[in-house]
Amino acid sequence: MNKKICVTSYYSAGCTFVDWSLHFLSGQSQYYHAGENKWIPLSQNPITKINAHGHNKNCPSGFFNAKSCIEKFDTLPDNGIYSMYAVKPFHDVAAKELKIPIDQIHQPVVMNQLLEFINNDYDKMLQFCCEQQVQLIFVSQDVRVALYHMTHRQLERYVTRPGRPTSEQDLKNEIQKVFFKNSISQWKELNLTEIWDVRERMALDIRPLYPVEEYKFDLKLPHHWVNCLDLWTRTENTLKNIMNYLNLEIDADRWQSWLPICKAWQEQQLSLLEFCYNQPHIVESIVNNWYYEIDLTFNQEVLIQHFLIYQFGLNLKTWQLEKFPSNTQDLHKLLEPNIHAIPKIY
């Protein structure tokens, strides 16, 4: 019988690296690619600047595409290792199924409809995997590091349309235009378009701690459950456990070659986690006038301003402030009461 494997997570969490590692550590030199309907060479090192997407994995989206991929696996020779990183259906695909114009998905009622369809389809896909004896590896999100997902590491497709983003910023621009079109329009009407205005608008719009609560995996299904933090920080033990669950023997030579690749991939994750861990201290340092040196990206600045507004009822005097200063005490001097009407979300 074929060994069929599905690695999956609701949000991008490192499944491409896991999928590649299964083949590499088990000694494979090639693997079956369903999209090309042929065997292709396995990358000897899939690491790029931001992820492991140098590995051209099978990545069906939604139930019907995953079903088609599994059916192809079933036609292949026995004793092979066939894997896929299956993901939930894309927003535009769900909108088309529901006959909803894509330019309406910024509306909360419409988005709730989409999410219900997406989650039901994802449930159906995972249930089908189990029915077809596909071994399931589920990488679970962790609420403690929700901010990890504010960095977009998946650049293989736009969120709401086909096509490949040219950069992370390109993808973020699409998300802003689609999901926050009303606030963008309102702030433009007020001529609030400078970088400090954009930062404040985004700080008001985002909901960074919400994503991990959108989907509840059915833990009754047969599966190997992996906490994303274990995958990112205890990668060696986590992969050994996954290989053991799949009853795949690790090639000793490949293991030694894999270790430095693993370390490079792990460092990418740890750099993202650093801000997750430090964010509460950064915000408290600003509020309490504590000395703490910082060097934040624009998106991290947005998050800091968000938490000041929503958790402490404070804002920053940021007129003409293109970049935050390098110490939290300098930001403390810019604090003022928040005057925006905001919902209670924390």
C-alpha atoms as a PDB file:
ATOM      1  CA  MET A   1       0.000   0.000   0.000  1.00  0.00           C
ATOM      2  CA  ASN A   2       1.202   3.515  -0.782  1.00  0.00           C
ATOM      3  CA  LYS A   3       2.300   5.684   2.120  1.00  0.00           C
ATOM      4  CA  LYS A   4       0.227   8.822   1.733  1.00  0.00           C
ATOM      5  CA  ILE A   5       0.965  11.806   3.945  1.00  0.00           C
ATOM      6  CA  CYS A   6      -0.753  15.148   4.447  1.00  0.00           C
ATOM      7  CA  VAL A   7       1.093  17.893   6.327  1.00  0.00           C
ATOM      8  CA  THR A   8      -1.172  20.821   7.090  1.00  0.00           C
ATOM      9  CA  SER A   9      -1.821  23.893   9.227  1.00  0.00           C
ATOM     10  CA  TYR A  10      -4.521  26.545   9.163  1.00  0.00           C
ATOM     11  CA  TYR A  11      -1.929  29.312   8.827  1.00  0.00           C
ATOM     12  CA  SER A  12       1.565  29.176   7.383  1.00  0.00           C
ATOM     13  CA  ALA A  13       3.716  27.599  10.097  1.00  0.00           C
ATOM     14  CA  GLY A  14       6.537  25.678   8.426  1.00  0.00           C
ATOM     15  CA  CYS A  15       4.768  22.791   6.712  1.00  0.00           C
ATOM     16  CA  THR A  16       6.836  23.169   3.534  1.00  0.00           C
ATOM     17  CA  PHE A  17       9.991  22.449   5.531  1.00  0.00           C
ATOM     18  CA  VAL A  18       8.330  19.451   7.176  1.00  0.00           C
ATOM     19  CA  ASP A  19       7.151  18.074   3.837  1.00  0.00           C
ATOM     20  CA  TRP A  20      10.639  18.402   2.324  1.00  0.00           C
ATOM     21  CA  SER A  21      12.277  16.898   5.415  1.00  0.00           C
ATOM     22  CA  LEU A  22      10.123  13.758   5.235  1.00  0.00           C
ATOM     23  CA  HIS A  23      11.494  12.962   1.791  1.00  0.00           C
ATOM     24  CA  PHE A  24      15.041  14.095   2.454  1.00  0.00           C
ATOM     25  CA  LEU A  25      15.494  12.314   5.778  1.00  0.00           C
ATOM     26  CA  SER A  26      14.004   9.080   4.454  1.00  0.00           C
ATOM     27  CA  GLY A  27      16.643   9.036   1.705  1.00  0.00           C
ATOM     28  CA  GLN A  28      14.514  10.029  -1.289  1.00  0.00           C
ATOM     29  CA  SER A  29      16.216  11.617  -4.301  1.00  0.00           C
ATOM     30  CA  GLN A  30      12.981  12.365  -6.170  1.00  0.00           C
ATOM     31  CA  TYR A  31       9.278  12.611  -5.422  1.00  0.00           C
ATOM     32  CA  TYR A  32       5.995  12.632  -7.282  1.00  0.00           C
ATOM     33  CA  HIS A  33       4.590  16.061  -8.139  1.00  0.00           C
ATOM     34  CA  ALA A  34       0.868  15.832  -8.825  1.00  0.00           C
ATOM     35  CA  GLY A  35       0.639  19.159 -10.664  1.00  0.00           C
ATOM     36  CA  GLU A  36       3.286  18.100 -13.172  1.00  0.00           C
ATOM     37  CA  ASN A  37       2.120  14.467 -13.030  1.00  0.00           C
ATOM     38  CA  LYS A  38       5.687  13.190 -12.920  1.00  0.00           C
ATOM     39  CA  TRP A  39       8.583  12.404 -10.624  1.00  0.00           C
ATOM     40  CA  ILE A  40      10.901  15.365 -10.092  1.00  0.00           C
ATOM     41  CA  PRO A  41      14.257  15.752  -8.291  1.00  0.00           C
ATOM     42  CA  LEU A  42      14.163  16.571  -4.598  1.00  0.00           C
ATOM     43  CA  SER A  43      15.948  19.797  -3.665  1.00  0.00           C
ATOM     44  CA  GLN A  44      19.107  19.266  -1.663  1.00  0.00           C
ATOM     45  CA  ASN A  45      18.490  22.533   0.193  1.00  0.00           C
ATOM     46  CA  PRO A  46      15.101  24.288  -0.026  1.00  0.00           C
ATOM     47  CA  ILE A  47      15.938  27.315   2.132  1.00  0.00           C
ATOM     48  CA  THR A  48      15.267  30.766   0.672  1.00  0.00           C
ATOM     49  CA  LYS A  49      15.653  34.132   2.393  1.00  0.00           C
ATOM     50  CA  ILE A  50      12.336  33.827   4.233  1.00  0.00           C
ATOM     51  CA  ASN A  51      11.168  30.200   4.109  1.00  0.00           C
ATOM     52  CA  ALA A  52      11.742  26.697   2.702  1.00  0.00           C
ATOM     53  CA  HIS A  53       9.824  27.257  -0.521  1.00  0.00           C
ATOM     54  CA  GLY A  54      12.732  26.096  -2.639  1.00  0.00           C
ATOM     55  CA  HIS A  55      10.881  22.803  -2.282  1.00  0.00           C
ATOM     56  CA  ASN A  56       8.151  22.584  -4.928  1.00  0.00           C
ATOM     57  CA  LYS A  57       5.701  20.622  -2.802  1.00  0.00           C
ATOM     58  CA  ASN A  58       2.277  19.313  -3.697  1.00  0.00           C
ATOM     59  CA  CYS A  59       0.049  22.055  -2.283  1.00  0.00           C
ATOM     60  CA  PRO A  60      -3.623  21.490  -3.119  1.00  0.00           C
ATOM     61  CA  SER A  61      -6.052  24.088  -1.784  1.00  0.00           C
ATOM     62  CA  GLY A  62      -9.467  22.968  -0.621  1.00  0.00           C
ATOM     63  CA  PHE A  63     -11.289  19.651  -0.596  1.00  0.00           C
ATOM     64  CA  PHE A  64     -11.640  19.011  -4.326  1.00  0.00           C
ATOM     65  CA  ASN A  65      -7.997  19.727  -5.144  1.00  0.00           C
ATOM     66  CA  ALA A  66      -6.797  17.611  -2.220  1.00  0.00           C
ATOM     67  CA  LYS A  67      -9.121  14.799  -3.291  1.00  0.00           C
ATOM     68  CA  SER A  68      -7.715  14.935  -6.815  1.00  0.00           C
ATOM     69  CA  CYS A  69      -4.159  14.808  -5.478  1.00  0.00           C
ATOM     70  CA  ILE A  70      -4.915  11.779  -3.294  1.00  0.00           C
ATOM     71  CA  GLU A  71      -6.589  10.006  -6.210  1.00  0.00           C
ATOM     72  CA  LYS A  72      -3.403  10.503  -8.244  1.00  0.00           C
ATOM     73  CA  PHE A  73      -1.366   9.050  -5.388  1.00  0.00           C
ATOM     74  CA  ASP A  74      -3.573   5.950  -5.462  1.00  0.00           C
ATOM     75  CA  THR A  75      -2.609   5.237  -9.089  1.00  0.00           C
ATOM     76  CA  LEU A  76       1.113   5.215  -8.351  1.00  0.00           C
ATOM     77  CA  PRO A  77       3.384   2.242  -7.574  1.00  0.00           C
ATOM     78  CA  ASP A  78       3.200   0.682  -4.131  1.00  0.00           C
ATOM     79  CA  ASN A  79       5.859   1.284  -1.455  1.00  0.00           C
ATOM     80  CA  GLY A  80       6.281   4.930  -2.500  1.00  0.00           C
ATOM     81  CA  ILE A  81       6.146   7.969  -0.209  1.00  0.00           C
ATOM     82  CA  TYR A  82       3.586  10.451  -1.491  1.00  0.00           C
ATOM     83  CA  SER A  83       2.991  13.680   0.370  1.00  0.00           C
ATOM     84  CA  MET A  84       1.109  16.934   0.127  1.00  0.00           C
ATOM     85  CA  TYR A  85       0.916  20.153   2.088  1.00  0.00           C
ATOM     86  CA  ALA A  86      -2.830  20.685   1.812  1.00  0.00           C
ATOM     87  CA  VAL A  87      -4.268  24.105   2.636  1.00  0.00           C
ATOM     88  CA  LYS A  88      -7.724  25.590   3.070  1.00  0.00           C
ATOM     89  CA  PRO A  89      -9.439  27.073  -0.006  1.00  0.00           C
ATOM     90  CA  PHE A  90      -8.464  30.593  -1.038  1.00  0.00           C
ATOM     91  CA  HIS A  91     -10.779  33.514  -0.332  1.00  0.00           C
ATOM     92  CA  ASP A  92     -11.511  34.202  -3.993  1.00  0.00           C
ATOM     93  CA  VAL A  93     -12.342  30.537  -4.642  1.00  0.00           C
ATOM     94  CA  ALA A  94     -14.719  30.510  -1.680  1.00  0.00           C
ATOM     95  CA  ALA A  95     -16.288  33.775  -2.842  1.00  0.00           C
ATOM     96  CA  LYS A  96     -16.865  32.315  -6.301  1.00  0.00           C
ATOM     97  CA  GLU A  97     -18.510  29.211  -4.828  1.00  0.00           C
ATOM     98  CA  LEU A  98     -20.808  31.428  -2.756  1.00  0.00           C
ATOM     99  CA  LYS A  99     -21.399  33.790  -5.693  1.00  0.00           C
ATOM    100  CA  ILE A 100     -20.084  36.719  -3.655  1.00  0.00           C
ATOM    101  CA  PRO A 101     -18.280  39.547  -5.503  1.00  0.00           C
ATOM    102  CA  ILE A 102     -14.709  39.643  -4.284  1.00  0.00           C
ATOM    103  CA  ASP A 103     -14.913  43.403  -3.708  1.00  0.00           C
ATOM    104  CA  GLN A 104     -17.473  42.792  -0.935  1.00  0.00           C
ATOM    105  CA  ILE A 105     -15.383  40.528   1.292  1.00  0.00           C
ATOM    106  CA  HIS A 106     -14.265  43.459   3.454  1.00  0.00           C
ATOM    107  CA  GLN A 107     -17.783  43.513   4.917  1.00  0.00           C
ATOM    108  CA  PRO A 108     -17.938  41.624   8.263  1.00  0.00           C
ATOM    109  CA  VAL A 109     -21.122  39.712   7.383  1.00  0.00           C
ATOM    110  CA  VAL A 110     -19.658  38.590   4.071  1.00  0.00           C
ATOM    111  CA  MET A 111     -16.345  37.636   5.667  1.00  0.00           C
ATOM    112  CA  ASN A 112     -18.164  35.498   8.228  1.00  0.00           C
ATOM    113  CA  GLN A 113     -19.906  33.681   5.377  1.00  0.00           C
ATOM    114  CA  LEU A 114     -16.572  33.091   3.675  1.00  0.00           C
ATOM    115  CA  LEU A 115     -14.890  31.828   6.836  1.00  0.00           C
ATOM    116  CA  GLU A 116     -17.750  29.414   7.510  1.00  0.00           C
ATOM    117  CA  PHE A 117     -17.399  28.000   3.984  1.00  0.00           C
ATOM    118  CA  ILE A 118     -13.596  27.846   4.215  1.00  0.00           C
ATOM    119  CA  ASN A 119     -13.624  26.105   7.593  1.00  0.00           C
ATOM    120  CA  ASN A 120     -16.275  23.594   6.555  1.00  0.00           C
ATOM    121  CA  ASP A 121     -14.344  22.801   3.382  1.00  0.00           C
ATOM    122  CA  TYR A 122     -11.121  22.389   5.377  1.00  0.00           C
ATOM    123  CA  ASP A 123     -12.909  20.061   7.819  1.00  0.00           C
ATOM    124  CA  LYS A 124     -14.203  18.028   4.887  1.00  0.00           C
ATOM    125  CA  MET A 125     -10.710  17.793   3.395  1.00  0.00           C
ATOM    126  CA  LEU A 126      -9.128  16.558   6.629  1.00  0.00           C
ATOM    127  CA  GLN A 127     -11.933  14.056   7.175  1.00  0.00           C
ATOM    128  CA  PHE A 128     -11.436  12.729   3.645  1.00  0.00           C
ATOM    129  CA  CYS A 129      -7.703  12.319   4.266  1.00  0.00           C
ATOM    130  CA  CYS A 130      -8.424  10.095   7.241  1.00  0.00           C
ATOM    131  CA  GLU A 131     -10.999   8.071   5.304  1.00  0.00           C
ATOM    132  CA  GLN A 132      -8.427   7.461   2.559  1.00  0.00           C
ATOM    133  CA  GLN A 133      -5.723   6.298   5.003  1.00  0.00           C
ATOM    134  CA  VAL A 134      -3.696   9.439   4.482  1.00  0.00           C
ATOM    135  CA  GLN A 135      -1.512   9.969   7.540  1.00  0.00           C
ATOM    136  CA  LEU A 136      -2.191  13.433   8.906  1.00  0.00           C
ATOM    137  CA  ILE A 137       0.373  15.780  10.447  1.00  0.00           C
ATOM    138  CA  PHE A 138      -1.360  18.857  11.881  1.00  0.00           C
ATOM    139  CA  VAL A 139       0.769  21.841  12.926  1.00  0.00           C
ATOM    140  CA  SER A 140      -1.253  23.804  15.449  1.00  0.00           C
ATOM    141  CA  GLN A 141      -1.036  27.546  16.069  1.00  0.00           C
ATOM    142  CA  ASP A 142      -0.120  28.875  19.516  1.00  0.00           C
ATOM    143  CA  VAL A 143      -1.889  31.924  20.908  1.00  0.00           C
ATOM    144  CA  ARG A 144       1.298  32.970  22.722  1.00  0.00           C
ATOM    145  CA  VAL A 145       3.002  33.775  19.422  1.00  0.00           C
ATOM    146  CA  ALA A 146       0.074  35.020  17.346  1.00  0.00           C
ATOM    147  CA  LEU A 147       2.188  37.953  16.135  1.00  0.00           C
ATOM    148  CA  TYR A 148       4.356  35.490  14.168  1.00  0.00           C
ATOM    149  CA  HIS A 149       1.565  35.348  11.607  1.00  0.00           C
ATOM    150  CA  MET A 150       1.658  39.088  11.023  1.00  0.00           C
ATOM    151  CA  THR A 151       4.693  38.431   8.831  1.00  0.00           C
ATOM    152  CA  HIS A 152       3.655  37.018   5.468  1.00  0.00           C
ATOM    153  CA  ARG A 153       6.076  34.219   4.604  1.00  0.00           C
ATOM    154  CA  GLN A 154       3.924  32.597   1.928  1.00  0.00           C
ATOM    155  CA  LEU A 155       4.552  34.506  -1.280  1.00  0.00           C
ATOM    156  CA  GLU A 156       3.371  31.904  -3.779  1.00  0.00           C
ATOM    157  CA  ARG A 157      -0.080  33.423  -4.306  1.00  0.00           C
ATOM    158  CA  TYR A 158      -2.142  36.484  -3.570  1.00  0.00           C
ATOM    159  CA  VAL A 159      -4.816  36.105  -0.894  1.00  0.00           C
ATOM    160  CA  THR A 160      -7.790  37.107  -3.037  1.00  0.00           C
ATOM    161  CA  ARG A 161      -6.723  36.441  -6.618  1.00  0.00           C
ATOM    162  CA  PRO A 162      -4.487  34.191  -8.680  1.00  0.00           C
ATOM    163  CA  GLY A 163      -0.946  35.316  -9.317  1.00  0.00           C
ATOM    164  CA  ARG A 164       2.327  35.522  -7.449  1.00  0.00           C
ATOM    165  CA  PRO A 165       3.232  38.585  -5.341  1.00  0.00           C
ATOM    166  CA  THR A 166       6.549  40.188  -6.212  1.00  0.00           C
ATOM    167  CA  SER A 167       7.363  40.787  -2.529  1.00  0.00           C
ATOM    168  CA  GLU A 168       5.909  40.681   0.970  1.00  0.00           C
ATOM    169  CA  GLN A 169       5.029  44.356   0.619  1.00  0.00           C
ATOM    170  CA  ASP A 170       3.146  43.597  -2.601  1.00  0.00           C
ATOM    171  CA  LEU A 171       1.088  41.009  -0.727  1.00  0.00           C
ATOM    172  CA  LYS A 172       0.459  43.396   2.171  1.00  0.00           C
ATOM    173  CA  ASN A 173      -0.710  46.090  -0.249  1.00  0.00           C
ATOM    174  CA  GLU A 174      -3.258  43.661  -1.692  1.00  0.00           C
ATOM    175  CA  ILE A 175      -4.539  42.762   1.779  1.00  0.00           C
ATOM    176  CA  GLN A 176      -4.875  46.422   2.711  1.00  0.00           C
ATOM    177  CA  LYS A 177      -6.756  47.323  -0.491  1.00  0.00           C
ATOM    178  CA  VAL A 178      -9.182  44.411  -0.200  1.00  0.00           C
ATOM    179  CA  PHE A 179      -9.883  44.102   3.514  1.00  0.00           C
ATOM    180  CA  PHE A 180      -9.512  47.722   4.662  1.00  0.00           C
ATOM    181  CA  LYS A 181     -10.821  49.619   1.656  1.00  0.00           C
ATOM    182  CA  ASN A 182     -13.340  51.625   3.711  1.00  0.00           C
ATOM    183  CA  SER A 183     -10.836  53.032   6.175  1.00  0.00           C
ATOM    184  CA  ILE A 184      -8.324  53.723   3.394  1.00  0.00           C
ATOM    185  CA  SER A 185     -10.988  55.705   1.560  1.00  0.00           C
ATOM    186  CA  GLN A 186     -12.021  57.612   4.704  1.00  0.00           C
ATOM    187  CA  TRP A 187      -8.469  58.602   5.605  1.00  0.00           C
ATOM    188  CA  LYS A 188      -7.737  59.654   2.017  1.00  0.00           C
ATOM    189  CA  GLU A 189     -10.767  61.932   2.090  1.00  0.00           C
ATOM    190  CA  LEU A 190      -9.232  63.574   5.149  1.00  0.00           C
ATOM    191  CA  ASN A 191      -5.911  63.850   3.308  1.00  0.00           C
ATOM    192  CA  LEU A 192      -4.257  61.595   5.889  1.00  0.00           C
ATOM    193  CA  THR A 193      -1.892  59.718   3.626  1.00  0.00           C
ATOM    194  CA  GLU A 194       1.590  60.319   5.056  1.00  0.00           C
ATOM    195  CA  ILE A 195       3.521  57.379   6.453  1.00  0.00           C
ATOM    196  CA  TRP A 196       2.660  58.334  10.044  1.00  0.00           C
ATOM    197  CA  ASP A 197      -1.022  58.491   9.071  1.00  0.00           C
ATOM    198  CA  VAL A 198      -0.858  55.087   7.399  1.00  0.00           C
ATOM    199  CA  ARG A 199       0.807  53.642  10.501  1.00  0.00           C
ATOM    200  CA  GLU A 200      -1.955  54.970  12.751  1.00  0.00           C
ATOM    201  CA  ARG A 201      -4.744  53.816  10.450  1.00  0.00           C
ATOM    202  CA  MET A 202      -3.286  50.317  10.283  1.00  0.00           C
ATOM    203  CA  ALA A 203      -2.813  50.259  14.067  1.00  0.00           C
ATOM    204  CA  LEU A 204      -6.531  50.945  14.434  1.00  0.00           C
ATOM    205  CA  ASP A 205      -7.581  48.435  11.758  1.00  0.00           C
ATOM    206  CA  ILE A 206      -5.584  45.316  12.577  1.00  0.00           C
ATOM    207  CA  ARG A 207      -6.622  42.525  14.920  1.00  0.00           C
ATOM    208  CA  PRO A 208      -3.290  40.750  15.501  1.00  0.00           C
ATOM    209  CA  LEU A 209      -4.430  38.370  18.229  1.00  0.00           C
ATOM    210  CA  TYR A 210      -7.544  37.116  16.465  1.00  0.00           C
ATOM    211  CA  PRO A 211      -6.275  34.650  13.807  1.00  0.00           C
ATOM    212  CA  VAL A 212      -5.451  31.701  16.071  1.00  0.00           C
ATOM    213  CA  GLU A 213      -9.066  31.568  17.241  1.00  0.00           C
ATOM    214  CA  GLU A 214     -10.697  31.316  13.819  1.00  0.00           C
ATOM    215  CA  TYR A 215     -10.435  27.552  13.380  1.00  0.00           C
ATOM    216  CA  LYS A 216     -10.812  24.598  15.711  1.00  0.00           C
ATOM    217  CA  PHE A 217      -9.209  21.398  14.472  1.00  0.00           C
ATOM    218  CA  ASP A 218     -11.175  18.191  15.153  1.00  0.00           C
ATOM    219  CA  LEU A 219      -8.842  16.488  17.602  1.00  0.00           C
ATOM    220  CA  LYS A 220     -10.836  13.249  17.354  1.00  0.00           C
ATOM    221  CA  LEU A 221      -9.403  12.579  13.898  1.00  0.00           C
ATOM    222  CA  PRO A 222      -6.378  10.245  13.691  1.00  0.00           C
ATOM    223  CA  HIS A 223      -3.379  12.550  13.423  1.00  0.00           C
ATOM    224  CA  HIS A 224      -0.002  13.557  14.798  1.00  0.00           C
ATOM    225  CA  TRP A 225      -0.411  16.919  16.545  1.00  0.00           C
ATOM    226  CA  VAL A 226       2.515  19.350  16.507  1.00  0.00           C
ATOM    227  CA  ASN A 227       2.669  22.634  18.369  1.00  0.00           C
ATOM    228  CA  CYS A 228       4.185  25.216  16.042  1.00  0.00           C
ATOM    229  CA  LEU A 229       6.558  26.374  18.778  1.00  0.00           C
ATOM    230  CA  ASP A 230       7.968  22.862  19.052  1.00  0.00           C
ATOM    231  CA  LEU A 231       8.481  22.766  15.302  1.00  0.00           C
ATOM    232  CA  TRP A 232      10.319  26.099  15.320  1.00  0.00           C
ATOM    233  CA  THR A 233      12.387  25.709  18.495  1.00  0.00           C
ATOM    234  CA  ARG A 234      12.758  21.951  19.041  1.00  0.00           C
ATOM    235  CA  THR A 235      12.946  21.092  15.366  1.00  0.00           C
ATOM    236  CA  GLU A 236      15.221  18.059  15.602  1.00  0.00           C
ATOM    237  CA  ASN A 237      13.110  16.237  18.189  1.00  0.00           C
ATOM    238  CA  THR A 238       9.902  17.283  16.467  1.00  0.00           C
ATOM    239  CA  LEU A 239      10.997  15.832  13.120  1.00  0.00           C
ATOM    240  CA  LYS A 240      12.182  12.635  14.797  1.00  0.00           C
ATOM    241  CA  ASN A 241       8.750  12.272  16.391  1.00  0.00           C
ATOM    242  CA  ILE A 242       7.010  12.899  13.071  1.00  0.00           C
ATOM    243  CA  MET A 243       9.199  10.345  11.281  1.00  0.00           C
ATOM    244  CA  ASN A 244       8.506   7.830  14.038  1.00  0.00           C
ATOM    245  CA  TYR A 245       4.746   8.427  13.760  1.00  0.00           C
ATOM    246  CA  LEU A 246       4.949   7.847  10.002  1.00  0.00           C
ATOM    247  CA  ASN A 247       7.112   4.754  10.540  1.00  0.00           C
ATOM    248  CA  LEU A 248       9.825   6.235   8.327  1.00  0.00           C
ATOM    249  CA  GLU A 249      13.440   5.383   9.055  1.00  0.00           C
ATOM    250  CA  ILE A 250      15.895   8.281   9.117  1.00  0.00           C
ATOM    251  CA  ASP A 251      18.923   7.877   6.878  1.00  0.00           C
ATOM    252  CA  ALA A 252      21.982   8.549   9.085  1.00  0.00           C
ATOM    253  CA  ASP A 253      23.976  10.332   6.368  1.00  0.00           C
ATOM    254  CA  ARG A 254      21.018  12.447   5.367  1.00  0.00           C
ATOM    255  CA  TRP A 255      20.489  13.406   9.012  1.00  0.00           C
ATOM    256  CA  GLN A 256      23.971  14.906   9.201  1.00  0.00           C
ATOM    257  CA  SER A 257      23.372  16.847   5.976  1.00  0.00           C
ATOM    258  CA  TRP A 258      19.962  17.950   7.213  1.00  0.00           C
ATOM    259  CA  LEU A 259      21.163  19.438  10.518  1.00  0.00           C
ATOM    260  CA  PRO A 260      22.799  22.636   9.129  1.00  0.00           C
ATOM    261  CA  ILE A 261      19.830  23.168   6.807  1.00  0.00           C
ATOM    262  CA  CYS A 262      17.535  22.765   9.780  1.00  0.00           C
ATOM    263  CA  LYS A 263      19.555  25.319  11.734  1.00  0.00           C
ATOM    264  CA  ALA A 264      19.310  27.875   8.914  1.00  0.00           C
ATOM    265  CA  TRP A 265      15.532  27.378   8.687  1.00  0.00           C
ATOM    266  CA  GLN A 266      15.187  27.501  12.460  1.00  0.00           C
ATOM    267  CA  GLU A 267      17.033  30.821  12.632  1.00  0.00           C
ATOM    268  CA  GLN A 268      14.439  32.316  10.293  1.00  0.00           C
ATOM    269  CA  GLN A 269      11.689  31.329  12.720  1.00  0.00           C
ATOM    270  CA  LEU A 270      13.570  32.526  15.797  1.00  0.00           C
ATOM    271  CA  SER A 271      14.085  35.974  14.283  1.00  0.00           C
ATOM    272  CA  LEU A 272      10.301  36.292  13.939  1.00  0.00           C
ATOM    273  CA  LEU A 273       9.710  34.963  17.441  1.00  0.00           C
ATOM    274  CA  GLU A 274      12.061  37.512  18.981  1.00  0.00           C
ATOM    275  CA  PHE A 275       9.574  40.322  18.452  1.00  0.00           C
ATOM    276  CA  CYS A 276       6.685  38.121  19.676  1.00  0.00           C
ATOM    277  CA  TYR A 277       8.490  37.581  22.962  1.00  0.00           C
ATOM    278  CA  ASN A 278       9.659  41.182  23.393  1.00  0.00           C
ATOM    279  CA  GLN A 279       6.527  43.039  22.287  1.00  0.00           C
ATOM    280  CA  PRO A 280       4.860  43.206  25.750  1.00  0.00           C
ATOM    281  CA  HIS A 281       8.066  44.575  27.286  1.00  0.00           C
ATOM    282  CA  ILE A 282       8.438  47.140  24.509  1.00  0.00           C
ATOM    283  CA  VAL A 283       4.911  48.449  25.102  1.00  0.00           C
ATOM    284  CA  GLU A 284       5.302  48.492  28.880  1.00  0.00           C
ATOM    285  CA  SER A 285       8.641  50.278  28.531  1.00  0.00           C
ATOM    286  CA  ILE A 286       6.991  53.016  26.475  1.00  0.00           C
ATOM    287  CA  VAL A 287       4.152  53.376  28.981  1.00  0.00           C
ATOM    288  CA  ASN A 288       6.397  53.347  32.071  1.00  0.00           C
ATOM    289  CA  ASN A 289       9.340  55.351  30.679  1.00  0.00           C
ATOM    290  CA  TRP A 290      11.690  52.372  30.977  1.00  0.00           C
ATOM    291  CA  TYR A 291      14.985  52.328  29.126  1.00  0.00           C
ATOM    292  CA  TYR A 292      14.906  49.784  26.293  1.00  0.00           C
ATOM    293  CA  GLU A 293      16.682  49.948  22.943  1.00  0.00           C
ATOM    294  CA  ILE A 294      14.634  49.078  19.858  1.00  0.00           C
ATOM    295  CA  ASP A 295      15.011  48.888  16.091  1.00  0.00           C
ATOM    296  CA  LEU A 296      11.568  48.156  14.675  1.00  0.00           C
ATOM    297  CA  THR A 297      10.299  47.527  11.188  1.00  0.00           C
ATOM    298  CA  PHE A 298       7.327  49.565  10.008  1.00  0.00           C
ATOM    299  CA  ASN A 299       4.953  46.660  10.622  1.00  0.00           C
ATOM    300  CA  GLN A 300       6.298  46.192  14.130  1.00  0.00           C
ATOM    301  CA  GLU A 301       5.724  49.901  14.750  1.00  0.00           C
ATOM    302  CA  VAL A 302       2.109  49.410  13.665  1.00  0.00           C
ATOM    303  CA  LEU A 303       1.725  46.619  16.204  1.00  0.00           C
ATOM    304  CA  ILE A 304       3.262  48.630  19.028  1.00  0.00           C
ATOM    305  CA  GLN A 305       0.962  51.563  18.318  1.00  0.00           C
ATOM    306  CA  HIS A 306      -1.999  49.155  18.135  1.00  0.00           C
ATOM    307  CA  PHE A 307      -1.355  47.768  21.607  1.00  0.00           C
ATOM    308  CA  LEU A 308      -0.812  51.218  23.073  1.00  0.00           C
ATOM    309  CA  ILE A 309      -4.205  52.280  21.732  1.00  0.00           C
ATOM    310  CA  TYR A 310      -6.250  49.176  22.498  1.00  0.00           C
ATOM    311  CA  GLN A 311      -4.626  47.915  25.691  1.00  0.00           C
ATOM    312  CA  PHE A 312      -3.600  51.172  27.395  1.00  0.00           C
ATOM    313  CA  GLY A 313      -5.860  53.831  25.893  1.00  0.00           C
ATOM    314  CA  LEU A 314      -2.806  55.754  24.738  1.00  0.00           C
ATOM    315  CA  ASN A 315      -1.538  56.986  21.404  1.00  0.00           C
ATOM    316  CA  LEU A 316       1.589  58.642  20.063  1.00  0.00           C
ATOM    317  CA  LYS A 317       2.191  62.121  18.696  1.00  0.00           C
ATOM    318  CA  THR A 318       3.600  60.842  15.435  1.00  0.00           C
ATOM    319  CA  TRP A 319       3.193  63.797  13.076  1.00  0.00           C
ATOM    320  CA  GLN A 320       6.244  63.786  10.774  1.00  0.00           C
ATOM    321  CA  LEU A 321       7.616  60.711  12.594  1.00  0.00           C
ATOM    322  CA  GLU A 322       8.669  58.509   9.700  1.00  0.00           C
ATOM    323  CA  LYS A 323      10.425  55.969  11.907  1.00  0.00           C
ATOM    324  CA  PHE A 324      10.239  55.274  15.622  1.00  0.00           C
ATOM    325  CA  PRO A 325      13.269  56.358  17.676  1.00  0.00           C
ATOM    326  CA  SER A 326      15.753  53.769  18.941  1.00  0.00           C
ATOM    327  CA  ASN A 327      14.752  53.875  22.606  1.00  0.00           C
ATOM    328  CA  THR A 328      11.390  53.430  24.295  1.00  0.00           C
ATOM    329  CA  GLN A 329      12.013  56.442  26.548  1.00  0.00           C
ATOM    330  CA  ASP A 330      11.923  58.657  23.463  1.00  0.00           C
ATOM    331  CA  LEU A 331       8.536  57.204  22.547  1.00  0.00           C
ATOM    332  CA  HIS A 332       7.311  57.750  26.106  1.00  0.00           C
ATOM    333  CA  LYS A 333       7.779  61.487  25.523  1.00  0.00           C
ATOM    334  CA  LEU A 334       5.332  61.255  22.610  1.00  0.00           C
ATOM    335  CA  LEU A 335       2.497  59.592  24.542  1.00  0.00           C
ATOM    336  CA  GLU A 336      -0.939  61.190  24.633  1.00  0.00           C
ATOM    337  CA  PRO A 337      -4.456  59.928  25.425  1.00  0.00           C
ATOM    338  CA  ASN A 338      -6.163  58.044  22.615  1.00  0.00           C
ATOM    339  CA  ILE A 339      -9.062  60.022  21.138  1.00  0.00           C
ATOM    340  CA  HIS A 340     -10.260  57.426  18.603  1.00  0.00           C
ATOM    341  CA  ALA A 341     -13.535  55.624  19.287  1.00  0.00           C
ATOM    342  CA  ILE A 342     -12.509  51.978  19.430  1.00  0.00           C
ATOM    343  CA  PRO A 343     -14.224  48.678  20.231  1.00  0.00           C
ATOM    344  CA  LYS A 344     -13.166  46.738  23.318  1.00  0.00           C
ATOM    345  CA  ILE A 345     -11.243  43.812  21.830  1.00  0.00           C
ATOM    346  CA  TYR A 346      -8.992  42.846  24.749  1.00  0.00           C
END
